[in-house]
Amino acid sequence: MDVPGHCEQRYVLTMLVENEPGVTARVSGLFAGRGYNIETICGAPTANPKISRITITTRSKPEQLEQIMKQIRRLINVTKLRDMTGEDAVKREMALICVNAAPKNRTEITRLVETFRARIVDTGLEHFIIEVSGREEKVNALIRLLEPMGIKKLARSGTLALYREPE
């Protein structure tokens, strides 16, 4: 029987860091050095080109997460750290999916793309490349529905998150 607080949960952490060489490596090295896995990591400059936002998805026990967050806060280049796991954050992911598009499947693929409000961004004689964005569950659902047609390649951004602004 699991004791509450002792089983692994999925967390989304976002941090503002100085946009300098090696910062992402130091953050990811902190995870690796302690044996924590990063499921997804996404980093890019913010509106201020001197600051980048790094968003990490990981699984850990609550007490491990506390330790991870303490260690991240100690890194000199990290200016802000937030746990974005709750529902107060807007979380999205983007994926590019290259799918086999045999003539017999093109109508069905197009219907799925429309249903999921995705876009076909490249077409060929035997393939479509589809762009989809939204909650992770939406991206996963489209991927599952396209699998029977044959997914040739898949690239995912990982989770991006921002807290909603107060009204």
N, C-alpha and C. Protein backbone atom coordinates (compact mmCIF):
# COMPACT_ATOMS: atom_id res chain seq x y z
N MET A 1 0.84 -1.19 0.00
CA MET A 1 0.00 0.00 0.00
C MET A 1 0.89 1.25 0.00
N ASP A 2 0.55 2.20 -0.88
CA ASP A 2 1.32 3.44 -0.96
C ASP A 2 0.95 4.37 0.18
N VAL A 3 1.97 4.95 0.76
CA VAL A 3 1.77 5.96 1.79
C VAL A 3 1.64 7.30 1.08
N PRO A 4 0.61 8.11 1.39
CA PRO A 4 0.46 9.40 0.72
C PRO A 4 1.75 10.20 0.81
N GLY A 5 2.11 10.82 -0.31
CA GLY A 5 3.31 11.63 -0.36
C GLY A 5 4.57 10.85 -0.69
N HIS A 6 4.47 9.50 -0.78
CA HIS A 6 5.66 8.70 -1.03
C HIS A 6 5.68 8.08 -2.42
N CYS A 7 4.69 8.38 -3.25
CA CYS A 7 4.72 7.86 -4.61
C CYS A 7 5.10 9.00 -5.56
N GLU A 8 5.68 8.61 -6.67
CA GLU A 8 6.12 9.62 -7.64
C GLU A 8 4.93 10.29 -8.30
N GLN A 9 5.08 11.57 -8.53
CA GLN A 9 4.08 12.36 -9.23
C GLN A 9 4.79 13.13 -10.34
N ARG A 10 4.00 13.62 -11.27
CA ARG A 10 4.55 14.41 -12.37
C ARG A 10 4.49 15.88 -12.00
N TYR A 11 5.59 16.59 -12.23
CA TYR A 11 5.68 18.01 -11.90
C TYR A 11 6.15 18.79 -13.11
N VAL A 12 5.67 20.03 -13.19
CA VAL A 12 6.11 20.97 -14.21
C VAL A 12 6.73 22.15 -13.48
N LEU A 13 8.02 22.36 -13.73
CA LEU A 13 8.76 23.47 -13.12
C LEU A 13 9.15 24.45 -14.20
N THR A 14 9.04 25.74 -13.90
CA THR A 14 9.50 26.74 -14.85
C THR A 14 10.40 27.72 -14.10
N MET A 15 11.43 28.15 -14.78
CA MET A 15 12.38 29.06 -14.13
C MET A 15 12.83 30.13 -15.11
N LEU A 16 13.11 31.29 -14.57
CA LEU A 16 13.72 32.36 -15.34
C LEU A 16 15.21 32.33 -15.01
N VAL A 17 16.02 32.35 -16.06
CA VAL A 17 17.47 32.24 -15.90
C VAL A 17 18.14 33.29 -16.77
N GLU A 18 19.38 33.61 -16.41
CA GLU A 18 20.17 34.49 -17.25
C GLU A 18 20.45 33.76 -18.57
N ASN A 19 20.29 34.47 -19.66
CA ASN A 19 20.49 33.88 -20.99
C ASN A 19 21.98 33.89 -21.31
N GLU A 20 22.67 32.91 -20.73
CA GLU A 20 24.12 32.80 -20.90
C GLU A 20 24.49 31.37 -21.22
N PRO A 21 25.63 31.16 -21.89
CA PRO A 21 26.07 29.80 -22.21
C PRO A 21 26.25 28.96 -20.94
N GLY A 22 25.81 27.72 -21.00
CA GLY A 22 26.03 26.78 -19.91
C GLY A 22 24.95 26.72 -18.85
N VAL A 23 24.00 27.68 -18.85
CA VAL A 23 22.98 27.69 -17.80
C VAL A 23 22.08 26.46 -17.90
N THR A 24 21.61 26.16 -19.10
CA THR A 24 20.75 24.98 -19.27
C THR A 24 21.51 23.71 -18.88
N ALA A 25 22.77 23.63 -19.23
CA ALA A 25 23.58 22.47 -18.88
C ALA A 25 23.71 22.34 -17.36
N ARG A 26 23.88 23.45 -16.65
CA ARG A 26 23.99 23.39 -15.19
C ARG A 26 22.67 22.92 -14.57
N VAL A 27 21.56 23.42 -15.10
CA VAL A 27 20.26 23.02 -14.56
C VAL A 27 20.02 21.52 -14.82
N SER A 28 20.24 21.08 -16.06
CA SER A 28 20.00 19.66 -16.37
C SER A 28 21.03 18.78 -15.66
N GLY A 29 22.26 19.26 -15.47
CA GLY A 29 23.27 18.51 -14.74
C GLY A 29 22.90 18.30 -13.29
N LEU A 30 22.22 19.29 -12.72
CA LEU A 30 21.75 19.17 -11.34
C LEU A 30 20.80 17.97 -11.21
N PHE A 31 19.90 17.82 -12.18
CA PHE A 31 18.96 16.69 -12.18
C PHE A 31 19.73 15.38 -12.34
N ALA A 32 20.59 15.32 -13.35
CA ALA A 32 21.32 14.09 -13.65
C ALA A 32 22.22 13.68 -12.49
N GLY A 33 22.87 14.65 -11.87
CA GLY A 33 23.79 14.36 -10.77
C GLY A 33 23.11 13.77 -9.56
N ARG A 34 21.83 13.97 -9.45
CA ARG A 34 21.07 13.42 -8.32
C ARG A 34 20.18 12.25 -8.72
N GLY A 35 20.33 11.81 -9.98
CA GLY A 35 19.58 10.65 -10.45
C GLY A 35 18.13 10.91 -10.78
N TYR A 36 17.77 12.18 -11.02
CA TYR A 36 16.40 12.52 -11.38
C TYR A 36 16.29 12.61 -12.89
N ASN A 37 15.24 12.07 -13.44
CA ASN A 37 15.04 12.10 -14.88
C ASN A 37 14.26 13.35 -15.29
N ILE A 38 14.68 13.96 -16.38
CA ILE A 38 13.92 15.04 -17.00
C ILE A 38 13.11 14.42 -18.12
N GLU A 39 11.77 14.48 -18.02
CA GLU A 39 10.92 13.95 -19.10
C GLU A 39 10.94 14.87 -20.30
N THR A 40 10.77 16.18 -20.05
CA THR A 40 10.84 17.16 -21.13
C THR A 40 11.56 18.39 -20.61
N ILE A 41 12.25 19.07 -21.50
CA ILE A 41 12.90 20.33 -21.17
C ILE A 41 12.78 21.25 -22.38
N CYS A 42 12.39 22.48 -22.12
CA CYS A 42 12.23 23.45 -23.20
C CYS A 42 12.76 24.79 -22.69
N GLY A 43 13.61 25.42 -23.46
CA GLY A 43 14.15 26.70 -23.06
C GLY A 43 14.23 27.65 -24.23
N ALA A 44 13.95 28.92 -23.96
CA ALA A 44 14.02 29.95 -25.01
C ALA A 44 14.05 31.31 -24.34
N PRO A 45 14.58 32.32 -25.06
CA PRO A 45 14.57 33.68 -24.50
C PRO A 45 13.15 34.18 -24.26
N THR A 46 13.00 35.05 -23.28
CA THR A 46 11.71 35.69 -23.00
C THR A 46 11.63 36.99 -23.80
N ALA A 47 10.67 37.85 -23.46
CA ALA A 47 10.56 39.16 -24.11
C ALA A 47 11.82 39.98 -23.84
N ASN A 48 12.49 39.70 -22.74
CA ASN A 48 13.78 40.32 -22.42
C ASN A 48 14.87 39.37 -22.92
N PRO A 49 15.63 39.73 -23.94
CA PRO A 49 16.61 38.80 -24.52
C PRO A 49 17.73 38.39 -23.56
N LYS A 50 17.87 39.08 -22.42
CA LYS A 50 18.89 38.70 -21.44
C LYS A 50 18.41 37.60 -20.50
N ILE A 51 17.11 37.28 -20.57
CA ILE A 51 16.49 36.28 -19.69
C ILE A 51 15.86 35.18 -20.55
N SER A 52 16.06 33.94 -20.14
CA SER A 52 15.40 32.80 -20.78
C SER A 52 14.47 32.12 -19.78
N ARG A 53 13.48 31.43 -20.32
CA ARG A 53 12.59 30.62 -19.49
C ARG A 53 12.88 29.16 -19.82
N ILE A 54 13.14 28.37 -18.80
CA ILE A 54 13.32 26.93 -18.96
C ILE A 54 12.15 26.25 -18.27
N THR A 55 11.48 25.36 -18.99
CA THR A 55 10.38 24.59 -18.43
C THR A 55 10.78 23.12 -18.45
N ILE A 56 10.67 22.48 -17.30
CA ILE A 56 11.07 21.08 -17.14
C ILE A 56 9.90 20.28 -16.60
N THR A 57 9.68 19.11 -17.18
CA THR A 57 8.72 18.15 -16.67
C THR A 57 9.51 16.98 -16.10
N THR A 58 9.18 16.58 -14.88
CA THR A 58 9.89 15.49 -14.21
C THR A 58 8.93 14.71 -13.33
N ARG A 59 9.35 13.53 -12.94
CA ARG A 59 8.59 12.72 -11.98
C ARG A 59 9.45 12.55 -10.74
N SER A 60 8.84 12.77 -9.59
CA SER A 60 9.57 12.56 -8.35
C SER A 60 8.57 12.43 -7.20
N LYS A 61 9.11 12.08 -6.05
CA LYS A 61 8.32 12.09 -4.82
C LYS A 61 8.30 13.53 -4.32
N PRO A 62 7.24 13.93 -3.59
CA PRO A 62 7.15 15.32 -3.13
C PRO A 62 8.40 15.80 -2.37
N GLU A 63 8.97 14.94 -1.52
CA GLU A 63 10.15 15.37 -0.77
C GLU A 63 11.37 15.53 -1.68
N GLN A 64 11.43 14.71 -2.75
CA GLN A 64 12.52 14.87 -3.72
C GLN A 64 12.35 16.18 -4.48
N LEU A 65 11.11 16.52 -4.82
CA LEU A 65 10.86 17.77 -5.54
C LEU A 65 11.33 18.96 -4.70
N GLU A 66 11.06 18.92 -3.40
CA GLU A 66 11.52 19.99 -2.52
C GLU A 66 13.03 20.15 -2.60
N GLN A 67 13.74 19.03 -2.59
CA GLN A 67 15.20 19.06 -2.68
C GLN A 67 15.66 19.61 -4.04
N ILE A 68 15.01 19.16 -5.11
CA ILE A 68 15.34 19.65 -6.45
C ILE A 68 15.19 21.17 -6.50
N MET A 69 14.06 21.65 -5.98
CA MET A 69 13.78 23.09 -6.03
C MET A 69 14.80 23.88 -5.20
N LYS A 70 15.18 23.35 -4.04
CA LYS A 70 16.21 24.03 -3.22
C LYS A 70 17.52 24.12 -3.98
N GLN A 71 17.90 23.03 -4.65
CA GLN A 71 19.16 23.02 -5.40
C GLN A 71 19.11 23.98 -6.58
N ILE A 72 17.99 24.02 -7.29
CA ILE A 72 17.85 24.93 -8.44
C ILE A 72 17.96 26.38 -7.97
N ARG A 73 17.30 26.70 -6.85
CA ARG A 73 17.34 28.08 -6.34
C ARG A 73 18.76 28.51 -5.98
N ARG A 74 19.62 27.55 -5.66
CA ARG A 74 21.01 27.88 -5.30
C ARG A 74 21.87 28.22 -6.51
N LEU A 75 21.42 27.83 -7.70
CA LEU A 75 22.20 28.14 -8.90
C LEU A 75 22.19 29.65 -9.12
N ILE A 76 23.34 30.21 -9.32
CA ILE A 76 23.49 31.66 -9.38
C ILE A 76 22.74 32.28 -10.56
N ASN A 77 22.60 31.56 -11.67
CA ASN A 77 21.97 32.13 -12.86
C ASN A 77 20.44 32.03 -12.85
N VAL A 78 19.85 31.37 -11.83
CA VAL A 78 18.39 31.22 -11.75
C VAL A 78 17.84 32.40 -10.95
N THR A 79 16.95 33.18 -11.59
CA THR A 79 16.38 34.35 -10.91
C THR A 79 15.00 34.09 -10.33
N LYS A 80 14.28 33.09 -10.87
CA LYS A 80 12.94 32.78 -10.37
C LYS A 80 12.62 31.34 -10.68
N LEU A 81 11.94 30.65 -9.77
CA LEU A 81 11.54 29.25 -9.96
C LEU A 81 10.12 29.09 -9.46
N ARG A 82 9.29 28.39 -10.26
CA ARG A 82 7.90 28.13 -9.85
C ARG A 82 7.51 26.71 -10.20
N ASP A 83 6.71 26.12 -9.32
CA ASP A 83 6.09 24.83 -9.59
C ASP A 83 4.78 25.12 -10.30
N MET A 84 4.68 24.71 -11.56
CA MET A 84 3.51 25.01 -12.40
C MET A 84 2.58 23.81 -12.51
N THR A 85 2.67 22.88 -11.59
CA THR A 85 1.94 21.62 -11.67
C THR A 85 0.43 21.82 -11.60
N GLY A 86 -0.05 22.75 -10.82
CA GLY A 86 -1.49 22.91 -10.59
C GLY A 86 -2.27 23.39 -11.79
N GLU A 87 -3.54 23.57 -11.56
CA GLU A 87 -4.46 23.99 -12.62
C GLU A 87 -4.42 25.49 -12.90
N ASP A 88 -3.70 26.25 -12.06
CA ASP A 88 -3.64 27.70 -12.27
C ASP A 88 -2.73 28.08 -13.43
N ALA A 89 -2.06 27.12 -14.01
CA ALA A 89 -1.14 27.40 -15.12
C ALA A 89 -1.75 26.96 -16.44
N VAL A 90 -1.45 27.71 -17.48
CA VAL A 90 -1.80 27.32 -18.84
C VAL A 90 -0.62 26.50 -19.36
N LYS A 91 -0.88 25.25 -19.71
CA LYS A 91 0.18 24.35 -20.17
C LYS A 91 -0.15 23.89 -21.58
N ARG A 92 0.82 23.98 -22.47
CA ARG A 92 0.63 23.56 -23.85
C ARG A 92 1.87 22.85 -24.35
N GLU A 93 1.66 22.07 -25.40
CA GLU A 93 2.74 21.35 -26.07
C GLU A 93 2.48 21.44 -27.57
N MET A 94 3.54 21.39 -28.36
CA MET A 94 3.41 21.37 -29.81
C MET A 94 4.11 20.13 -30.33
N ALA A 95 3.54 19.53 -31.36
CA ALA A 95 4.18 18.37 -31.99
C ALA A 95 4.09 18.50 -33.50
N LEU A 96 5.13 18.01 -34.16
CA LEU A 96 5.14 17.82 -35.61
C LEU A 96 5.11 16.32 -35.84
N ILE A 97 4.15 15.87 -36.61
CA ILE A 97 3.94 14.44 -36.83
C ILE A 97 4.00 14.17 -38.33
N CYS A 98 4.96 13.35 -38.76
CA CYS A 98 5.04 12.93 -40.15
C CYS A 98 4.34 11.58 -40.24
N VAL A 99 3.25 11.53 -40.98
CA VAL A 99 2.43 10.32 -41.05
C VAL A 99 2.34 9.84 -42.49
N ASN A 100 2.33 8.53 -42.67
CA ASN A 100 2.09 7.95 -43.99
C ASN A 100 0.72 8.42 -44.45
N ALA A 101 0.65 8.91 -45.68
CA ALA A 101 -0.62 9.42 -46.19
C ALA A 101 -0.93 8.74 -47.53
N ALA A 102 -1.16 7.45 -47.43
CA ALA A 102 -1.58 6.71 -48.62
C ALA A 102 -2.90 7.30 -49.10
N PRO A 103 -3.16 7.27 -50.41
CA PRO A 103 -4.39 7.87 -50.94
C PRO A 103 -5.65 7.42 -50.20
N LYS A 104 -5.71 6.15 -49.79
CA LYS A 104 -6.92 5.65 -49.12
C LYS A 104 -7.10 6.26 -47.72
N ASN A 105 -6.02 6.82 -47.12
CA ASN A 105 -6.11 7.37 -45.76
C ASN A 105 -6.17 8.90 -45.71
N ARG A 106 -5.98 9.56 -46.84
CA ARG A 106 -5.87 11.03 -46.83
C ARG A 106 -7.13 11.72 -46.32
N THR A 107 -8.28 11.24 -46.69
CA THR A 107 -9.52 11.86 -46.23
C THR A 107 -9.66 11.70 -44.72
N GLU A 108 -9.38 10.52 -44.20
CA GLU A 108 -9.47 10.27 -42.76
C GLU A 108 -8.46 11.12 -41.99
N ILE A 109 -7.24 11.22 -42.50
CA ILE A 109 -6.21 12.05 -41.84
C ILE A 109 -6.65 13.51 -41.82
N THR A 110 -7.16 13.99 -42.94
CA THR A 110 -7.62 15.39 -43.02
C THR A 110 -8.76 15.64 -42.03
N ARG A 111 -9.66 14.67 -41.89
CA ARG A 111 -10.77 14.80 -40.94
C ARG A 111 -10.24 14.88 -39.51
N LEU A 112 -9.26 14.03 -39.18
CA LEU A 112 -8.67 14.07 -37.84
C LEU A 112 -7.98 15.41 -37.58
N VAL A 113 -7.26 15.90 -38.58
CA VAL A 113 -6.57 17.19 -38.45
C VAL A 113 -7.58 18.29 -38.15
N GLU A 114 -8.70 18.31 -38.86
CA GLU A 114 -9.73 19.32 -38.64
C GLU A 114 -10.36 19.17 -37.26
N THR A 115 -10.65 17.94 -36.86
CA THR A 115 -11.28 17.68 -35.56
C THR A 115 -10.39 18.18 -34.41
N PHE A 116 -9.09 18.00 -34.54
CA PHE A 116 -8.15 18.38 -33.49
C PHE A 116 -7.63 19.81 -33.65
N ARG A 117 -8.18 20.54 -34.61
CA ARG A 117 -7.74 21.91 -34.91
C ARG A 117 -6.23 21.96 -35.12
N ALA A 118 -5.73 20.96 -35.80
CA ALA A 118 -4.32 20.89 -36.15
C ALA A 118 -4.18 21.45 -37.57
N ARG A 119 -2.97 21.39 -38.12
CA ARG A 119 -2.73 21.88 -39.48
C ARG A 119 -1.81 20.94 -40.21
N ILE A 120 -2.06 20.77 -41.49
CA ILE A 120 -1.12 20.05 -42.35
C ILE A 120 -0.15 21.11 -42.86
N VAL A 121 1.13 20.97 -42.50
CA VAL A 121 2.12 22.00 -42.84
C VAL A 121 3.03 21.57 -43.99
N ASP A 122 2.97 20.29 -44.38
CA ASP A 122 3.75 19.80 -45.51
C ASP A 122 3.05 18.57 -46.08
N THR A 123 3.05 18.49 -47.40
CA THR A 123 2.45 17.32 -48.04
C THR A 123 3.41 16.76 -49.07
N GLY A 124 3.33 15.47 -49.26
CA GLY A 124 4.10 14.79 -50.27
C GLY A 124 3.24 13.70 -50.88
N LEU A 125 3.78 12.96 -51.81
CA LEU A 125 3.00 11.90 -52.44
C LEU A 125 2.59 10.83 -51.44
N GLU A 126 3.44 10.59 -50.45
CA GLU A 126 3.18 9.51 -49.50
C GLU A 126 3.14 9.95 -48.04
N HIS A 127 3.16 11.26 -47.77
CA HIS A 127 3.18 11.69 -46.37
C HIS A 127 2.47 13.04 -46.18
N PHE A 128 2.08 13.29 -44.93
CA PHE A 128 1.68 14.60 -44.45
C PHE A 128 2.55 14.89 -43.24
N ILE A 129 2.92 16.16 -43.05
CA ILE A 129 3.47 16.58 -41.76
C ILE A 129 2.41 17.46 -41.12
N ILE A 130 2.02 17.08 -39.92
CA ILE A 130 0.93 17.71 -39.20
C ILE A 130 1.50 18.46 -38.00
N GLU A 131 1.02 19.67 -37.79
CA GLU A 131 1.37 20.45 -36.60
C GLU A 131 0.15 20.48 -35.69
N VAL A 132 0.34 20.10 -34.43
CA VAL A 132 -0.74 20.14 -33.46
C VAL A 132 -0.22 20.78 -32.19
N SER A 133 -1.05 21.60 -31.56
CA SER A 133 -0.68 22.17 -30.28
C SER A 133 -1.88 22.15 -29.36
N GLY A 134 -1.60 22.09 -28.08
CA GLY A 134 -2.65 22.05 -27.08
C GLY A 134 -2.17 21.33 -25.83
N ARG A 135 -3.11 20.94 -25.02
CA ARG A 135 -2.76 20.19 -23.82
C ARG A 135 -2.12 18.86 -24.22
N GLU A 136 -1.29 18.34 -23.36
CA GLU A 136 -0.59 17.09 -23.66
C GLU A 136 -1.56 15.97 -24.02
N GLU A 137 -2.70 15.93 -23.35
CA GLU A 137 -3.70 14.88 -23.62
C GLU A 137 -4.22 14.95 -25.05
N LYS A 138 -4.40 16.17 -25.56
CA LYS A 138 -4.86 16.36 -26.93
C LYS A 138 -3.82 15.86 -27.92
N VAL A 139 -2.55 16.23 -27.70
CA VAL A 139 -1.47 15.80 -28.58
C VAL A 139 -1.37 14.27 -28.57
N ASN A 140 -1.42 13.68 -27.38
CA ASN A 140 -1.35 12.21 -27.27
C ASN A 140 -2.51 11.53 -27.99
N ALA A 141 -3.71 12.10 -27.87
CA ALA A 141 -4.89 11.50 -28.51
C ALA A 141 -4.74 11.50 -30.03
N LEU A 142 -4.28 12.60 -30.61
CA LEU A 142 -4.10 12.65 -32.06
C LEU A 142 -3.04 11.64 -32.50
N ILE A 143 -1.95 11.57 -31.76
CA ILE A 143 -0.90 10.61 -32.10
C ILE A 143 -1.46 9.18 -32.09
N ARG A 144 -2.22 8.85 -31.05
CA ARG A 144 -2.82 7.50 -30.98
C ARG A 144 -3.71 7.21 -32.19
N LEU A 145 -4.49 8.20 -32.62
CA LEU A 145 -5.39 7.99 -33.75
C LEU A 145 -4.66 7.91 -35.08
N LEU A 146 -3.48 8.53 -35.17
CA LEU A 146 -2.70 8.47 -36.40
C LEU A 146 -1.81 7.23 -36.48
N GLU A 147 -1.53 6.59 -35.35
CA GLU A 147 -0.63 5.43 -35.33
C GLU A 147 -1.02 4.33 -36.32
N PRO A 148 -2.32 3.98 -36.46
CA PRO A 148 -2.67 2.92 -37.42
C PRO A 148 -2.27 3.24 -38.86
N MET A 149 -2.17 4.53 -39.21
CA MET A 149 -1.78 4.91 -40.57
C MET A 149 -0.27 4.81 -40.76
N GLY A 150 0.47 4.85 -39.65
CA GLY A 150 1.92 4.74 -39.70
C GLY A 150 2.61 6.07 -39.50
N ILE A 151 3.06 6.33 -38.28
CA ILE A 151 3.82 7.54 -38.00
C ILE A 151 5.27 7.28 -38.39
N LYS A 152 5.78 8.12 -39.29
CA LYS A 152 7.16 7.97 -39.77
C LYS A 152 8.14 8.68 -38.85
N LYS A 153 7.79 9.89 -38.40
CA LYS A 153 8.65 10.69 -37.53
C LYS A 153 7.77 11.51 -36.60
N LEU A 154 8.34 11.84 -35.44
CA LEU A 154 7.60 12.62 -34.45
C LEU A 154 8.58 13.52 -33.70
N ALA A 155 8.26 14.80 -33.59
CA ALA A 155 9.04 15.75 -32.79
C ALA A 155 8.06 16.50 -31.89
N ARG A 156 8.39 16.53 -30.58
CA ARG A 156 7.53 17.21 -29.60
C ARG A 156 8.33 18.29 -28.89
N SER A 157 7.65 19.38 -28.56
CA SER A 157 8.31 20.51 -27.90
C SER A 157 8.55 20.27 -26.42
N GLY A 158 7.76 19.43 -25.80
CA GLY A 158 7.74 19.37 -24.34
C GLY A 158 6.76 20.42 -23.85
N THR A 159 6.47 20.37 -22.59
CA THR A 159 5.48 21.26 -22.00
C THR A 159 6.01 22.68 -21.86
N LEU A 160 5.18 23.64 -22.22
CA LEU A 160 5.41 25.06 -21.95
C LEU A 160 4.32 25.50 -20.99
N ALA A 161 4.63 26.39 -20.06
CA ALA A 161 3.63 26.77 -19.05
C ALA A 161 3.81 28.23 -18.65
N LEU A 162 2.69 28.89 -18.43
CA LEU A 162 2.64 30.24 -17.86
C LEU A 162 1.47 30.28 -16.87
N TYR A 163 1.65 30.99 -15.76
CA TYR A 163 0.53 31.19 -14.85
C TYR A 163 -0.43 32.20 -15.47
N ARG A 164 -1.72 31.99 -15.22
CA ARG A 164 -2.72 32.95 -15.68
C ARG A 164 -2.55 34.26 -14.91
N GLU A 165 -2.74 35.36 -15.58
CA GLU A 165 -2.69 36.66 -14.94
C GLU A 165 -3.96 36.86 -14.13
N PRO A 166 -3.86 37.51 -12.97
CA PRO A 166 -5.08 37.78 -12.18
C PRO A 166 -5.98 38.77 -12.91
N GLU A 167 -7.27 38.60 -12.74
CA GLU A 167 -8.26 39.49 -13.40
C GLU A 167 -8.36 40.81 -12.69
